[in-house]
Amino acid sequence: MSIWTRLLESAQSLFDPQSEADLPGGESGESCGPDPHDVGFTAAVIGLGAKLAKADGEVSHEEIQVFSQVFRTEPGDAASVRRVFNIARQTVRGYEGYASKIARRYSDRPCLLEGVLDGLFYIAGADGVVTLDEMVYLQKVSTIFGFSEGDFRRIKASHLGSDPDDPYEILGVSHQADFNTIRVAYRKLMADNHPDRVVTNGAPREFEQRAHQKAAAITGAYAKIRAERGMLIRAD
């Protein structure tokens, strides 16, 4: 039985606007992925994606396509995926409830929470523009997940570019930071977001493409700061 079939069978409880049950699953631990067979996590992420697609008042064809790409499925599951998405989209539960469930369940896995936020940014930008309503949504989810304002600016900059093209925002450091602080921030971000590590630590395979793009943005920002400060670019 595929996870999509299980979601359809449990849809009434998993997407019930009155349900406040925590996500099912095993014990949390050192990982970038959810616990195996955690259908509740999948349902909550689908709920977030569906609500995001409606955040600007309409669901575009591009958003549905990207949603299907983010949650890779077998061709035979296409009908079930669309039905699950539509169920989540039509419920009255606010997205805050889905985000809170994920945050409570995986508070000790910030790399997983950031991966979910990366996926939501990807969906939001599917139609070529991120609206104000969508940005408010993304920032609220980020706050519920426990990320700081600086973290959100960094994540946003890695997807949409900085304001304006600010490498310091991508690395999440201030313009006044000394270079050692910048180097430490860069190394930590690369360690947390390196595609090989993300996949090795159990993150869903669909996060790998975003991890490559994010790592490239982080590396580019670090190189730009080094060049601005008159340092030779070399491997650290």
Protein backbone atom coordinates (compact mmCIF):
# COMPACT_ATOMS: atom_id res chain seq x y z
CA MET A 1 0.00 0.00 0.00
CA SER A 2 1.53 3.33 -1.06
CA ILE A 3 1.77 6.26 1.33
CA TRP A 4 -0.76 8.13 -0.84
CA THR A 5 -3.31 5.35 -0.42
CA ARG A 6 -2.73 5.41 3.34
CA LEU A 7 -3.22 9.17 3.33
CA LEU A 8 -6.52 8.83 1.49
CA GLU A 9 -7.72 6.18 3.92
CA SER A 10 -6.82 8.39 6.90
CA ALA A 11 -7.72 11.73 5.34
CA GLN A 12 -10.67 12.44 7.61
CA SER A 13 -8.53 12.35 10.74
CA LEU A 14 -5.26 13.67 9.29
CA PHE A 15 -6.88 16.71 7.67
CA ASP A 16 -9.68 17.12 10.25
CA PRO A 17 -9.74 20.81 11.26
CA GLN A 18 -10.82 19.81 14.76
CA SER A 19 -8.00 17.32 15.31
CA GLU A 20 -5.17 18.50 17.53
CA ALA A 21 -3.34 15.20 17.86
CA ASP A 22 0.41 15.27 17.50
CA LEU A 23 2.04 13.58 14.54
CA PRO A 24 2.49 9.82 14.87
CA GLY A 25 5.94 8.34 14.59
CA GLY A 26 8.94 6.97 16.45
CA GLU A 27 11.58 8.71 18.52
CA SER A 28 13.31 11.77 17.10
CA GLY A 29 17.07 11.78 16.67
CA GLU A 30 20.03 13.02 14.65
CA SER A 31 18.62 13.13 11.13
CA CYS A 32 17.55 15.49 8.36
CA GLY A 33 14.61 13.28 7.43
CA PRO A 34 11.30 12.39 9.08
CA ASP A 35 10.82 9.08 10.83
CA PRO A 36 10.09 6.21 8.44
CA HIS A 37 6.42 5.77 7.56
CA ASP A 38 5.46 8.98 9.38
CA VAL A 39 2.23 9.53 7.46
CA GLY A 40 1.27 12.39 9.77
CA PHE A 41 4.38 14.35 8.76
CA THR A 42 3.61 13.82 5.08
CA ALA A 43 0.01 14.93 5.63
CA ALA A 44 1.11 18.07 7.47
CA VAL A 45 3.61 19.00 4.75
CA ILE A 46 0.93 18.45 2.10
CA GLY A 47 -1.38 20.65 4.14
CA LEU A 48 1.24 23.40 4.21
CA GLY A 49 1.83 23.11 0.47
CA ALA A 50 -1.88 23.17 -0.31
CA LYS A 51 -2.51 26.20 1.89
CA LEU A 52 0.47 28.00 0.40
CA ALA A 53 -0.91 27.42 -3.09
CA LYS A 54 -4.06 29.25 -1.95
CA ALA A 55 -2.27 32.03 -0.07
CA ASP A 56 -2.55 34.45 -3.00
CA GLY A 57 -6.20 33.60 -3.63
CA GLU A 58 -5.85 31.08 -6.43
CA VAL A 59 -4.08 27.83 -7.20
CA SER A 60 -2.10 27.97 -10.43
CA HIS A 61 -1.36 25.04 -12.71
CA GLU A 62 2.34 25.71 -12.15
CA GLU A 63 1.95 25.43 -8.38
CA ILE A 64 0.23 22.07 -8.68
CA GLN A 65 2.95 20.84 -11.05
CA VAL A 66 5.72 21.95 -8.70
CA PHE A 67 3.90 20.39 -5.75
CA SER A 68 3.95 17.07 -7.61
CA GLN A 69 7.65 17.50 -8.36
CA VAL A 70 8.53 18.25 -4.74
CA PHE A 71 6.72 15.11 -3.63
CA ARG A 72 8.00 12.67 -6.22
CA THR A 73 5.60 9.85 -6.89
CA GLU A 74 5.17 6.91 -9.17
CA PRO A 75 3.02 7.54 -12.27
CA GLY A 76 0.38 5.20 -10.91
CA ASP A 77 -0.05 7.38 -7.83
CA ALA A 78 -0.85 10.56 -9.77
CA ALA A 79 -4.62 10.39 -9.18
CA SER A 80 -4.17 9.72 -5.45
CA VAL A 81 -1.68 12.59 -5.11
CA ARG A 82 -4.11 15.04 -6.70
CA ARG A 83 -6.98 13.82 -4.48
CA VAL A 84 -4.87 14.16 -1.32
CA PHE A 85 -3.78 17.65 -2.36
CA ASN A 86 -7.37 18.72 -3.02
CA ILE A 87 -8.57 17.33 0.31
CA ALA A 88 -5.90 19.33 2.15
CA ARG A 89 -6.62 22.43 0.08
CA GLN A 90 -10.33 22.38 0.91
CA THR A 91 -10.11 21.94 4.67
CA VAL A 92 -10.69 24.93 6.93
CA ARG A 93 -7.65 24.25 9.10
CA GLY A 94 -5.23 27.16 9.05
CA TYR A 95 -1.68 26.49 7.94
CA GLU A 96 -0.45 27.42 11.42
CA GLY A 97 -1.86 24.15 12.75
CA TYR A 98 0.09 22.07 10.24
CA ALA A 99 3.29 24.05 10.89
CA SER A 100 2.90 23.70 14.66
CA LYS A 101 2.49 19.94 14.42
CA ILE A 102 5.67 19.59 12.40
CA ALA A 103 7.56 21.96 14.72
CA ARG A 104 6.50 20.03 17.85
CA ARG A 105 7.30 16.67 16.32
CA TYR A 106 10.71 17.56 14.86
CA SER A 107 11.98 20.46 16.95
CA ASP A 108 15.32 18.65 17.32
CA ARG A 109 15.80 18.41 13.54
CA PRO A 110 16.31 21.99 12.29
CA CYS A 111 17.76 20.73 9.01
CA LEU A 112 14.48 18.91 8.32
CA LEU A 113 12.44 22.00 9.21
CA GLU A 114 14.61 24.13 6.93
CA GLY A 115 14.16 21.54 4.17
CA VAL A 116 10.38 21.87 4.50
CA LEU A 117 10.67 25.67 4.33
CA ASP A 118 12.90 25.33 1.25
CA GLY A 119 10.19 23.25 -0.43
CA LEU A 120 7.55 25.86 0.39
CA PHE A 121 9.69 28.62 -1.13
CA TYR A 122 10.03 26.45 -4.23
CA ILE A 123 6.25 26.07 -4.50
CA ALA A 124 5.65 29.77 -3.85
CA GLY A 125 7.94 30.75 -6.71
CA ALA A 126 6.45 28.24 -9.15
CA ASP A 127 4.43 30.86 -11.04
CA GLY A 128 7.35 33.26 -11.31
CA VAL A 129 6.42 35.63 -8.48
CA VAL A 130 6.13 35.42 -4.70
CA THR A 131 3.23 37.59 -3.59
CA LEU A 132 3.03 39.57 -0.36
CA ASP A 133 0.47 37.12 1.04
CA GLU A 134 2.78 34.21 0.25
CA MET A 135 5.73 35.97 1.88
CA VAL A 136 3.69 36.61 5.04
CA TYR A 137 2.78 32.92 5.02
CA LEU A 138 6.42 31.82 4.63
CA GLN A 139 7.64 34.13 7.38
CA LYS A 140 4.93 32.90 9.75
CA VAL A 141 5.83 29.26 9.10
CA SER A 142 9.50 30.12 9.66
CA THR A 143 8.65 31.69 13.04
CA ILE A 144 6.56 28.67 14.08
CA PHE A 145 9.48 26.42 13.15
CA GLY A 146 11.64 28.42 15.58
CA PHE A 147 13.84 30.25 13.10
CA SER A 148 15.02 33.77 13.90
CA GLU A 149 14.48 36.81 11.67
CA GLY A 150 18.10 36.50 10.56
CA ASP A 151 17.57 32.84 9.68
CA PHE A 152 14.52 33.74 7.60
CA ARG A 153 16.38 36.49 5.75
CA ARG A 154 19.16 34.02 4.98
CA ILE A 155 16.76 31.31 3.73
CA LYS A 156 14.77 33.85 1.72
CA ALA A 157 17.93 35.27 0.16
CA SER A 158 19.13 31.82 -0.89
CA HIS A 159 15.91 31.35 -2.89
CA LEU A 160 14.94 34.80 -4.10
CA GLY A 161 18.20 36.68 -3.95
CA SER A 162 19.12 39.14 -1.27
CA ASP A 163 17.80 42.68 -0.85
CA PRO A 164 19.49 43.83 -2.99
CA ASP A 165 21.73 40.84 -3.75
CA ASP A 166 23.32 41.03 -0.31
CA PRO A 167 25.75 38.14 0.38
CA TYR A 168 25.69 38.93 4.09
CA GLU A 169 22.00 38.07 4.20
CA ILE A 170 22.62 34.76 2.46
CA LEU A 171 25.17 33.84 5.15
CA GLY A 172 23.03 35.28 7.94
CA VAL A 173 25.72 37.63 9.27
CA SER A 174 25.88 41.37 9.78
CA HIS A 175 27.88 43.72 7.57
CA GLN A 176 29.99 44.57 10.62
CA ALA A 177 30.98 40.95 11.34
CA ASP A 178 34.70 40.18 11.34
CA PHE A 179 35.92 37.77 8.71
CA ASN A 180 36.45 34.90 11.14
CA THR A 181 32.75 35.11 12.11
CA ILE A 182 31.83 35.09 8.44
CA ARG A 183 34.05 32.09 7.75
CA VAL A 184 32.55 30.16 10.67
CA ALA A 185 29.01 30.96 9.46
CA TYR A 186 29.91 29.85 5.93
CA ARG A 187 31.41 26.55 7.08
CA LYS A 188 28.43 25.78 9.29
CA LEU A 189 25.94 26.54 6.53
CA MET A 190 27.85 24.37 4.06
CA ALA A 191 28.04 21.56 6.58
CA ASP A 192 24.31 21.78 7.24
CA ASN A 193 23.27 22.18 3.59
CA HIS A 194 25.76 20.12 1.60
CA PRO A 195 23.69 17.92 -0.73
CA ASP A 196 25.59 14.74 0.14
CA ARG A 197 25.09 15.30 3.86
CA VAL A 198 21.42 16.19 3.46
CA VAL A 199 20.70 12.93 1.63
CA THR A 200 23.01 10.82 3.81
CA ASN A 201 21.24 12.08 6.94
CA GLY A 202 17.93 10.74 5.72
CA ALA A 203 16.30 13.75 4.06
CA PRO A 204 13.84 12.87 1.29
CA ARG A 205 15.53 12.64 -2.12
CA GLU A 206 13.37 15.52 -3.36
CA PHE A 207 15.37 17.90 -1.13
CA GLU A 208 18.61 17.15 -3.03
CA GLN A 209 18.04 19.53 -5.96
CA ARG A 210 17.22 22.42 -3.64
CA ALA A 211 20.28 21.56 -1.54
CA HIS A 212 22.53 21.88 -4.63
CA GLN A 213 21.02 25.27 -5.47
CA LYS A 214 21.30 26.46 -1.88
CA ALA A 215 24.92 25.33 -1.54
CA ALA A 216 25.76 27.24 -4.73
CA ALA A 217 24.15 30.41 -3.34
CA ILE A 218 26.07 30.07 -0.05
CA THR A 219 29.39 29.50 -1.83
CA GLY A 220 28.78 32.44 -4.16
CA ALA A 221 27.97 34.76 -1.26
CA TYR A 222 31.13 33.76 0.62
CA ALA A 223 33.27 34.29 -2.48
CA LYS A 224 31.75 37.73 -3.03
CA ILE A 225 32.49 38.84 0.53
CA ARG A 226 36.08 37.61 0.28
CA ALA A 227 36.53 39.51 -2.99
CA GLU A 228 35.01 42.67 -1.52
CA ARG A 229 37.40 42.48 1.41
CA GLY A 230 40.38 42.10 -0.88
CA MET A 231 41.21 38.51 -0.01
CA LEU A 232 42.35 35.83 -2.43
CA ILE A 233 39.70 33.21 -3.07
CA ARG A 234 41.05 29.90 -1.90
CA ALA A 235 39.63 26.71 -0.45
CA ASP A 236 39.16 26.93 3.31
